[in-house]
Amino acid sequence: MTTNLPVATEIIPVVLQLQPAMSTTGYAYAMTNDQFYEFCQLNRDFRIERNAVGELMIMPPTGSETDQHNFDIIVQLGIWTKQDGTGW
């Protein structure tokens, strides 16, 4: 019998710094919401987020480990609700 042990994994985004390279005449450049939307549309294969200071974060795709983890959570929740009697 094989025992699977949980493996802690951390998903770390790639953070792109836009300043000062994207500044114009020394002033901070801020991508507008429309420009950010267009940028995301041009790069649909990536999960792109923008934080409060304007950094762009390219989030890595979730893989089979995340899928399995989510499945395990759903199964455990289903078993608990049936045992508890308060679920579906």
PDB file of N, CA and C in Angstrom:
ATOM      1  N   MET A   1       0.841  -1.173   0.000  1.00  0.00           N
ATOM      2  CA  MET A   1       0.000   0.000   0.000  1.00  0.00           C
ATOM      3  C   MET A   1       0.888   1.239   0.000  1.00  0.00           C
ATOM      4  N   THR A   2       0.546   2.184  -0.831  1.00  0.00           N
ATOM      5  CA  THR A   2       1.315   3.415  -0.943  1.00  0.00           C
ATOM      6  C   THR A   2       0.617   4.517  -0.167  1.00  0.00           C
ATOM      7  N   THR A   3       1.386   5.273   0.587  1.00  0.00           N
ATOM      8  CA  THR A   3       0.833   6.393   1.338  1.00  0.00           C
ATOM      9  C   THR A   3       1.306   7.678   0.692  1.00  0.00           C
ATOM     10  N   ASN A   4       0.358   8.533   0.351  1.00  0.00           N
ATOM     11  CA  ASN A   4       0.691   9.840  -0.204  1.00  0.00           C
ATOM     12  C   ASN A   4       0.746  10.852   0.922  1.00  0.00           C
ATOM     13  N   LEU A   5       1.858  11.518   1.039  1.00  0.00           N
ATOM     14  CA  LEU A   5       2.001  12.556   2.045  1.00  0.00           C
ATOM     15  C   LEU A   5       1.755  13.906   1.398  1.00  0.00           C
ATOM     16  N   PRO A   6       1.083  14.810   2.108  1.00  0.00           N
ATOM     17  CA  PRO A   6       0.842  16.129   1.531  1.00  0.00           C
ATOM     18  C   PRO A   6       2.164  16.876   1.333  1.00  0.00           C
ATOM     19  N   VAL A   7       2.244  17.564   0.237  1.00  0.00           N
ATOM     20  CA  VAL A   7       3.431  18.350  -0.082  1.00  0.00           C
ATOM     21  C   VAL A   7       3.030  19.811  -0.103  1.00  0.00           C
ATOM     22  N   ALA A   8       3.718  20.605   0.680  1.00  0.00           N
ATOM     23  CA  ALA A   8       3.427  22.035   0.708  1.00  0.00           C
ATOM     24  C   ALA A   8       4.100  22.695  -0.493  1.00  0.00           C
ATOM     25  N   THR A   9       3.307  23.326  -1.293  1.00  0.00           N
ATOM     26  CA  THR A   9       3.846  24.054  -2.434  1.00  0.00           C
ATOM     27  C   THR A   9       3.353  25.486  -2.365  1.00  0.00           C
ATOM     28  N   GLU A  10       4.187  26.386  -2.798  1.00  0.00           N
ATOM     29  CA  GLU A  10       3.832  27.795  -2.801  1.00  0.00           C
ATOM     30  C   GLU A  10       3.901  28.294  -4.232  1.00  0.00           C
ATOM     31  N   ILE A  11       2.853  28.957  -4.663  1.00  0.00           N
ATOM     32  CA  ILE A  11       2.823  29.508  -6.006  1.00  0.00           C
ATOM     33  C   ILE A  11       3.275  30.959  -5.911  1.00  0.00           C
ATOM     34  N   ILE A  12       4.406  31.246  -6.523  1.00  0.00           N
ATOM     35  CA  ILE A  12       4.996  32.574  -6.447  1.00  0.00           C
ATOM     36  C   ILE A  12       4.840  33.254  -7.804  1.00  0.00           C
ATOM     37  N   PRO A  13       4.235  34.439  -7.839  1.00  0.00           N
ATOM     38  CA  PRO A  13       4.069  35.126  -9.114  1.00  0.00           C
ATOM     39  C   PRO A  13       5.366  35.775  -9.581  1.00  0.00           C
ATOM     40  N   VAL A  14       5.456  36.015 -10.871  1.00  0.00           N
ATOM     41  CA  VAL A  14       6.526  36.821 -11.439  1.00  0.00           C
ATOM     42  C   VAL A  14       6.038  38.258 -11.348  1.00  0.00           C
ATOM     43  N   VAL A  15       6.810  39.141 -10.716  1.00  0.00           N
ATOM     44  CA  VAL A  15       6.407  40.538 -10.549  1.00  0.00           C
ATOM     45  C   VAL A  15       7.219  41.397 -11.512  1.00  0.00           C
ATOM     46  N   LEU A  16       6.505  42.160 -12.344  1.00  0.00           N
ATOM     47  CA  LEU A  16       7.160  43.042 -13.311  1.00  0.00           C
ATOM     48  C   LEU A  16       7.134  44.469 -12.780  1.00  0.00           C
ATOM     49  N   GLN A  17       8.314  45.065 -12.642  1.00  0.00           N
ATOM     50  CA  GLN A  17       8.425  46.455 -12.224  1.00  0.00           C
ATOM     51  C   GLN A  17       8.356  47.322 -13.478  1.00  0.00           C
ATOM     52  N   LEU A  18       7.460  48.291 -13.520  1.00  0.00           N
ATOM     53  CA  LEU A  18       7.310  49.146 -14.697  1.00  0.00           C
ATOM     54  C   LEU A  18       8.067  50.462 -14.571  1.00  0.00           C
ATOM     55  N   GLN A  19       8.400  50.851 -13.346  1.00  0.00           N
ATOM     56  CA  GLN A  19       9.053  52.137 -13.165  1.00  0.00           C
ATOM     57  C   GLN A  19      10.503  51.933 -12.780  1.00  0.00           C
ATOM     58  N   PRO A  20      11.445  52.731 -13.207  1.00  0.00           N
ATOM     59  CA  PRO A  20      11.285  53.967 -13.967  1.00  0.00           C
ATOM     60  C   PRO A  20      11.297  53.774 -15.481  1.00  0.00           C
ATOM     61  N   ALA A  21      11.462  52.546 -15.956  1.00  0.00           N
ATOM     62  CA  ALA A  21      11.565  52.320 -17.405  1.00  0.00           C
ATOM     63  C   ALA A  21      10.345  52.821 -18.156  1.00  0.00           C
ATOM     64  N   MET A  22       9.174  52.755 -17.560  1.00  0.00           N
ATOM     65  CA  MET A  22       7.957  53.176 -18.236  1.00  0.00           C
ATOM     66  C   MET A  22       7.553  54.600 -17.861  1.00  0.00           C
ATOM     67  N   SER A  23       8.463  55.337 -17.236  1.00  0.00           N
ATOM     68  CA  SER A  23       8.122  56.712 -16.869  1.00  0.00           C
ATOM     69  C   SER A  23       8.381  57.629 -18.056  1.00  0.00           C
ATOM     70  N   THR A  24       7.652  58.707 -18.097  1.00  0.00           N
ATOM     71  CA  THR A  24       7.835  59.690 -19.158  1.00  0.00           C
ATOM     72  C   THR A  24       8.292  60.989 -18.515  1.00  0.00           C
ATOM     73  N   THR A  25       9.395  61.488 -18.965  1.00  0.00           N
ATOM     74  CA  THR A  25      10.008  62.728 -18.479  1.00  0.00           C
ATOM     75  C   THR A  25      10.125  62.779 -16.962  1.00  0.00           C
ATOM     76  N   GLY A  26      10.484  61.646 -16.381  1.00  0.00           N
ATOM     77  CA  GLY A  26      10.721  61.620 -14.945  1.00  0.00           C
ATOM     78  C   GLY A  26       9.492  61.420 -14.091  1.00  0.00           C
ATOM     79  N   TYR A  27       8.322  61.475 -14.693  1.00  0.00           N
ATOM     80  CA  TYR A  27       7.100  61.275 -13.911  1.00  0.00           C
ATOM     81  C   TYR A  27       6.723  59.805 -13.926  1.00  0.00           C
ATOM     82  N   ALA A  28       6.143  59.363 -12.855  1.00  0.00           N
ATOM     83  CA  ALA A  28       5.745  57.954 -12.767  1.00  0.00           C
ATOM     84  C   ALA A  28       4.672  57.654 -13.808  1.00  0.00           C
ATOM     85  N   TYR A  29       4.829  56.544 -14.476  1.00  0.00           N
ATOM     86  CA  TYR A  29       3.871  56.102 -15.474  1.00  0.00           C
ATOM     87  C   TYR A  29       2.862  55.195 -14.800  1.00  0.00           C
ATOM     88  N   ALA A  30       1.616  55.453 -15.008  1.00  0.00           N
ATOM     89  CA  ALA A  30       0.572  54.593 -14.457  1.00  0.00           C
ATOM     90  C   ALA A  30      -0.266  54.068 -15.615  1.00  0.00           C
ATOM     91  N   MET A  31      -0.365  52.755 -15.722  1.00  0.00           N
ATOM     92  CA  MET A  31      -1.176  52.136 -16.753  1.00  0.00           C
ATOM     93  C   MET A  31      -2.642  52.354 -16.392  1.00  0.00           C
ATOM     94  N   THR A  32      -3.398  52.893 -17.316  1.00  0.00           N
ATOM     95  CA  THR A  32      -4.822  53.105 -17.055  1.00  0.00           C
ATOM     96  C   THR A  32      -5.537  51.760 -17.026  1.00  0.00           C
ATOM     97  N   ASN A  33      -6.763  51.769 -16.523  1.00  0.00           N
ATOM     98  CA  ASN A  33      -7.554  50.542 -16.502  1.00  0.00           C
ATOM     99  C   ASN A  33      -7.779  50.013 -17.919  1.00  0.00           C
ATOM    100  N   ASP A  34      -8.021  50.915 -18.868  1.00  0.00           N
ATOM    101  CA  ASP A  34      -8.227  50.500 -20.258  1.00  0.00           C
ATOM    102  C   ASP A  34      -6.953  49.895 -20.845  1.00  0.00           C
ATOM    103  N   GLN A  35      -5.794  50.489 -20.549  1.00  0.00           N
ATOM    104  CA  GLN A  35      -4.527  49.952 -21.038  1.00  0.00           C
ATOM    105  C   GLN A  35      -4.238  48.594 -20.409  1.00  0.00           C
ATOM    106  N   PHE A  36      -4.531  48.453 -19.121  1.00  0.00           N
ATOM    107  CA  PHE A  36      -4.326  47.177 -18.451  1.00  0.00           C
ATOM    108  C   PHE A  36      -5.231  46.114 -19.056  1.00  0.00           C
ATOM    109  N   TYR A  37      -6.475  46.459 -19.311  1.00  0.00           N
ATOM    110  CA  TYR A  37      -7.415  45.516 -19.926  1.00  0.00           C
ATOM    111  C   TYR A  37      -6.899  45.076 -21.295  1.00  0.00           C
ATOM    112  N   GLU A  38      -6.454  46.027 -22.096  1.00  0.00           N
ATOM    113  CA  GLU A  38      -5.931  45.700 -23.428  1.00  0.00           C
ATOM    114  C   GLU A  38      -4.684  44.816 -23.325  1.00  0.00           C
ATOM    115  N   PHE A  39      -3.808  45.126 -22.374  1.00  0.00           N
ATOM    116  CA  PHE A  39      -2.609  44.322 -22.144  1.00  0.00           C
ATOM    117  C   PHE A  39      -2.997  42.885 -21.807  1.00  0.00           C
ATOM    118  N   CYS A  40      -3.988  42.734 -20.941  1.00  0.00           N
ATOM    119  CA  CYS A  40      -4.457  41.387 -20.558  1.00  0.00           C
ATOM    120  C   CYS A  40      -5.077  40.666 -21.743  1.00  0.00           C
ATOM    121  N   GLN A  41      -5.797  41.385 -22.590  1.00  0.00           N
ATOM    122  CA  GLN A  41      -6.409  40.763 -23.765  1.00  0.00           C
ATOM    123  C   GLN A  41      -5.347  40.283 -24.753  1.00  0.00           C
ATOM    124  N   LEU A  42      -4.255  41.011 -24.848  1.00  0.00           N
ATOM    125  CA  LEU A  42      -3.158  40.620 -25.738  1.00  0.00           C
ATOM    126  C   LEU A  42      -2.381  39.418 -25.192  1.00  0.00           C
ATOM    127  N   ASN A  43      -2.526  39.157 -23.903  1.00  0.00           N
ATOM    128  CA  ASN A  43      -1.785  38.079 -23.238  1.00  0.00           C
ATOM    129  C   ASN A  43      -2.743  37.141 -22.507  1.00  0.00           C
ATOM    130  N   ARG A  44      -3.738  36.651 -23.211  1.00  0.00           N
ATOM    131  CA  ARG A  44      -4.800  35.836 -22.609  1.00  0.00           C
ATOM    132  C   ARG A  44      -4.312  34.529 -21.999  1.00  0.00           C
ATOM    133  N   ASP A  45      -3.161  34.047 -22.415  1.00  0.00           N
ATOM    134  CA  ASP A  45      -2.652  32.777 -21.897  1.00  0.00           C
ATOM    135  C   ASP A  45      -2.090  32.905 -20.486  1.00  0.00           C
ATOM    136  N   PHE A  46      -1.973  34.127 -19.991  1.00  0.00           N
ATOM    137  CA  PHE A  46      -1.391  34.364 -18.670  1.00  0.00           C
ATOM    138  C   PHE A  46      -2.446  34.889 -17.709  1.00  0.00           C
ATOM    139  N   ARG A  47      -2.272  34.567 -16.435  1.00  0.00           N
ATOM    140  CA  ARG A  47      -3.112  35.151 -15.380  1.00  0.00           C
ATOM    141  C   ARG A  47      -2.364  36.382 -14.884  1.00  0.00           C
ATOM    142  N   ILE A  48      -2.867  37.548 -15.224  1.00  0.00           N
ATOM    143  CA  ILE A  48      -2.172  38.799 -14.910  1.00  0.00           C
ATOM    144  C   ILE A  48      -2.976  39.572 -13.876  1.00  0.00           C
ATOM    145  N   GLU A  49      -2.277  40.045 -12.850  1.00  0.00           N
ATOM    146  CA  GLU A  49      -2.893  40.867 -11.814  1.00  0.00           C
ATOM    147  C   GLU A  49      -2.076  42.141 -11.660  1.00  0.00           C
ATOM    148  N   ARG A  50      -2.703  43.168 -11.114  1.00  0.00           N
ATOM    149  CA  ARG A  50      -2.008  44.428 -10.848  1.00  0.00           C
ATOM    150  C   ARG A  50      -2.273  44.801  -9.403  1.00  0.00           C
ATOM    151  N   ASN A  51      -1.215  45.147  -8.663  1.00  0.00           N
ATOM    152  CA  ASN A  51      -1.401  45.491  -7.254  1.00  0.00           C
ATOM    153  C   ASN A  51      -1.560  46.996  -7.070  1.00  0.00           C
ATOM    154  N   ALA A  52      -1.694  47.425  -5.825  1.00  0.00           N
ATOM    155  CA  ALA A  52      -1.983  48.821  -5.502  1.00  0.00           C
ATOM    156  C   ALA A  52      -0.878  49.786  -5.912  1.00  0.00           C
ATOM    157  N   VAL A  53       0.368  49.301  -6.013  1.00  0.00           N
ATOM    158  CA  VAL A  53       1.476  50.187  -6.396  1.00  0.00           C
ATOM    159  C   VAL A  53       1.766  50.098  -7.890  1.00  0.00           C
ATOM    160  N   GLY A  54       0.905  49.412  -8.650  1.00  0.00           N
ATOM    161  CA  GLY A  54       1.037  49.377 -10.096  1.00  0.00           C
ATOM    162  C   GLY A  54       1.920  48.277 -10.648  1.00  0.00           C
ATOM    163  N   GLU A  55       2.417  47.389  -9.797  1.00  0.00           N
ATOM    164  CA  GLU A  55       3.237  46.284 -10.280  1.00  0.00           C
ATOM    165  C   GLU A  55       2.339  45.269 -10.979  1.00  0.00           C
ATOM    166  N   LEU A  56       2.837  44.728 -12.069  1.00  0.00           N
ATOM    167  CA  LEU A  56       2.113  43.662 -12.750  1.00  0.00           C
ATOM    168  C   LEU A  56       2.631  42.330 -12.241  1.00  0.00           C
ATOM    169  N   MET A  57       1.715  41.425 -11.918  1.00  0.00           N
ATOM    170  CA  MET A  57       2.098  40.115 -11.423  1.00  0.00           C
ATOM    171  C   MET A  57       1.570  39.066 -12.388  1.00  0.00           C
ATOM    172  N   ILE A  58       2.490  38.255 -12.908  1.00  0.00           N
ATOM    173  CA  ILE A  58       2.120  37.157 -13.786  1.00  0.00           C
ATOM    174  C   ILE A  58       2.015  35.921 -12.902  1.00  0.00           C
ATOM    175  N   MET A  59       0.815  35.432 -12.731  1.00  0.00           N
ATOM    176  CA  MET A  59       0.570  34.299 -11.853  1.00  0.00           C
ATOM    177  C   MET A  59       0.782  33.002 -12.615  1.00  0.00           C
ATOM    178  N   PRO A  60       1.492  32.055 -12.020  1.00  0.00           N
ATOM    179  CA  PRO A  60       1.692  30.776 -12.703  1.00  0.00           C
ATOM    180  C   PRO A  60       0.372  30.016 -12.791  1.00  0.00           C
ATOM    181  N   PRO A  61       0.217  29.225 -13.842  1.00  0.00           N
ATOM    182  CA  PRO A  61      -1.018  28.448 -13.966  1.00  0.00           C
ATOM    183  C   PRO A  61      -1.088  27.384 -12.882  1.00  0.00           C
ATOM    184  N   THR A  62      -2.297  27.056 -12.501  1.00  0.00           N
ATOM    185  CA  THR A  62      -2.454  25.981 -11.532  1.00  0.00           C
ATOM    186  C   THR A  62      -2.319  24.664 -12.275  1.00  0.00           C
ATOM    187  N   GLY A  63      -1.832  23.687 -11.598  1.00  0.00           N
ATOM    188  CA  GLY A  63      -1.605  22.401 -12.238  1.00  0.00           C
ATOM    189  C   GLY A  63      -2.380  21.287 -11.570  1.00  0.00           C
ATOM    190  N   SER A  64      -1.954  20.090 -11.831  1.00  0.00           N
ATOM    191  CA  SER A  64      -2.677  18.930 -11.321  1.00  0.00           C
ATOM    192  C   SER A  64      -2.629  18.851  -9.794  1.00  0.00           C
ATOM    193  N   GLU A  65      -1.561  19.374  -9.172  1.00  0.00           N
ATOM    194  CA  GLU A  65      -1.485  19.357  -7.710  1.00  0.00           C
ATOM    195  C   GLU A  65      -2.617  20.184  -7.114  1.00  0.00           C
ATOM    196  N   THR A  66      -2.887  21.346  -7.702  1.00  0.00           N
ATOM    197  CA  THR A  66      -3.977  22.187  -7.218  1.00  0.00           C
ATOM    198  C   THR A  66      -5.312  21.515  -7.474  1.00  0.00           C
ATOM    199  N   ASP A  67      -5.468  20.922  -8.647  1.00  0.00           N
ATOM    200  CA  ASP A  67      -6.707  20.211  -8.960  1.00  0.00           C
ATOM    201  C   ASP A  67      -6.967  19.102  -7.950  1.00  0.00           C
ATOM    202  N   GLN A  68      -5.946  18.337  -7.628  1.00  0.00           N
ATOM    203  CA  GLN A  68      -6.088  17.245  -6.671  1.00  0.00           C
ATOM    204  C   GLN A  68      -6.426  17.784  -5.285  1.00  0.00           C
ATOM    205  N   HIS A  69      -5.768  18.867  -4.883  1.00  0.00           N
ATOM    206  CA  HIS A  69      -6.023  19.472  -3.576  1.00  0.00           C
ATOM    207  C   HIS A  69      -7.480  19.944  -3.486  1.00  0.00           C
ATOM    208  N   ASN A  70      -7.960  20.621  -4.519  1.00  0.00           N
ATOM    209  CA  ASN A  70      -9.341  21.095  -4.530  1.00  0.00           C
ATOM    210  C   ASN A  70     -10.318  19.922  -4.502  1.00  0.00           C
ATOM    211  N   PHE A  71     -10.021  18.865  -5.238  1.00  0.00           N
ATOM    212  CA  PHE A  71     -10.866  17.677  -5.242  1.00  0.00           C
ATOM    213  C   PHE A  71     -10.934  17.071  -3.845  1.00  0.00           C
ATOM    214  N   ASP A  72      -9.785  16.959  -3.187  1.00  0.00           N
ATOM    215  CA  ASP A  72      -9.740  16.398  -1.829  1.00  0.00           C
ATOM    216  C   ASP A  72     -10.594  17.222  -0.861  1.00  0.00           C
ATOM    217  N   ILE A  73     -10.539  18.531  -0.986  1.00  0.00           N
ATOM    218  CA  ILE A  73     -11.335  19.406  -0.116  1.00  0.00           C
ATOM    219  C   ILE A  73     -12.824  19.167  -0.349  1.00  0.00           C
ATOM    220  N   ILE A  74     -13.231  19.068  -1.600  1.00  0.00           N
ATOM    221  CA  ILE A  74     -14.643  18.843  -1.924  1.00  0.00           C
ATOM    222  C   ILE A  74     -15.108  17.495  -1.388  1.00  0.00           C
ATOM    223  N   VAL A  75     -14.286  16.453  -1.549  1.00  0.00           N
ATOM    224  CA  VAL A  75     -14.650  15.125  -1.043  1.00  0.00           C
ATOM    225  C   VAL A  75     -14.804  15.161   0.468  1.00  0.00           C
ATOM    226  N   GLN A  76     -13.840  15.775   1.166  1.00  0.00           N
ATOM    227  CA  GLN A  76     -13.908  15.840   2.623  1.00  0.00           C
ATOM    228  C   GLN A  76     -15.142  16.610   3.078  1.00  0.00           C
ATOM    229  N   LEU A  77     -15.464  17.694   2.397  1.00  0.00           N
ATOM    230  CA  LEU A  77     -16.650  18.472   2.740  1.00  0.00           C
ATOM    231  C   LEU A  77     -17.908  17.639   2.527  1.00  0.00           C
ATOM    232  N   GLY A  78     -17.968  16.903   1.429  1.00  0.00           N
ATOM    233  CA  GLY A  78     -19.120  16.048   1.157  1.00  0.00           C
ATOM    234  C   GLY A  78     -19.298  14.965   2.200  1.00  0.00           C
ATOM    235  N   ILE A  79     -18.214  14.316   2.582  1.00  0.00           N
ATOM    236  CA  ILE A  79     -18.282  13.276   3.614  1.00  0.00           C
ATOM    237  C   ILE A  79     -18.739  13.877   4.936  1.00  0.00           C
ATOM    238  N   TRP A  80     -18.191  15.015   5.306  1.00  0.00           N
ATOM    239  CA  TRP A  80     -18.558  15.663   6.562  1.00  0.00           C
ATOM    240  C   TRP A  80     -20.037  16.042   6.582  1.00  0.00           C
ATOM    241  N   THR A  81     -20.561  16.610   5.475  1.00  0.00           N
ATOM    242  CA  THR A  81     -21.958  17.023   5.473  1.00  0.00           C
ATOM    243  C   THR A  81     -22.899  15.828   5.575  1.00  0.00           C
ATOM    244  N   LYS A  82     -22.526  14.716   4.976  1.00  0.00           N
ATOM    245  CA  LYS A  82     -23.357  13.502   5.082  1.00  0.00           C
ATOM    246  C   LYS A  82     -23.326  12.937   6.507  1.00  0.00           C
ATOM    247  N   GLN A  83     -22.145  12.912   7.124  1.00  0.00           N
ATOM    248  CA  GLN A  83     -22.023  12.410   8.482  1.00  0.00           C
ATOM    249  C   GLN A  83     -22.706  13.325   9.480  1.00  0.00           C
ATOM    250  N   ASP A  84     -22.589  14.620   9.256  1.00  0.00           N
ATOM    251  CA  ASP A  84     -23.142  15.623  10.153  1.00  0.00           C
ATOM    252  C   ASP A  84     -24.664  15.703  10.010  1.00  0.00           C
ATOM    253  N   GLY A  85     -25.167  15.385   8.823  1.00  0.00           N
ATOM    254  CA  GLY A  85     -26.597  15.434   8.586  1.00  0.00           C
ATOM    255  C   GLY A  85     -27.156  16.812   8.300  1.00  0.00           C
ATOM    256  N   THR A  86     -26.295  17.819   8.235  1.00  0.00           N
ATOM    257  CA  THR A  86     -26.774  19.167   7.967  1.00  0.00           C
ATOM    258  C   THR A  86     -26.566  19.587   6.530  1.00  0.00           C
ATOM    259  N   GLY A  87     -25.951  18.714   5.740  1.00  0.00           N
ATOM    260  CA  GLY A  87     -25.668  19.040   4.343  1.00  0.00           C
ATOM    261  C   GLY A  87     -26.855  18.804   3.452  1.00  0.00           C
ATOM    262  N   TRP A  88     -26.590  18.500   2.238  1.00  0.00           N
ATOM    263  CA  TRP A  88     -27.622  18.361   1.208  1.00  0.00           C
ATOM    264  C   TRP A  88     -28.597  17.342   1.607  1.00  0.00           C
TER     265      TRP A  88
END
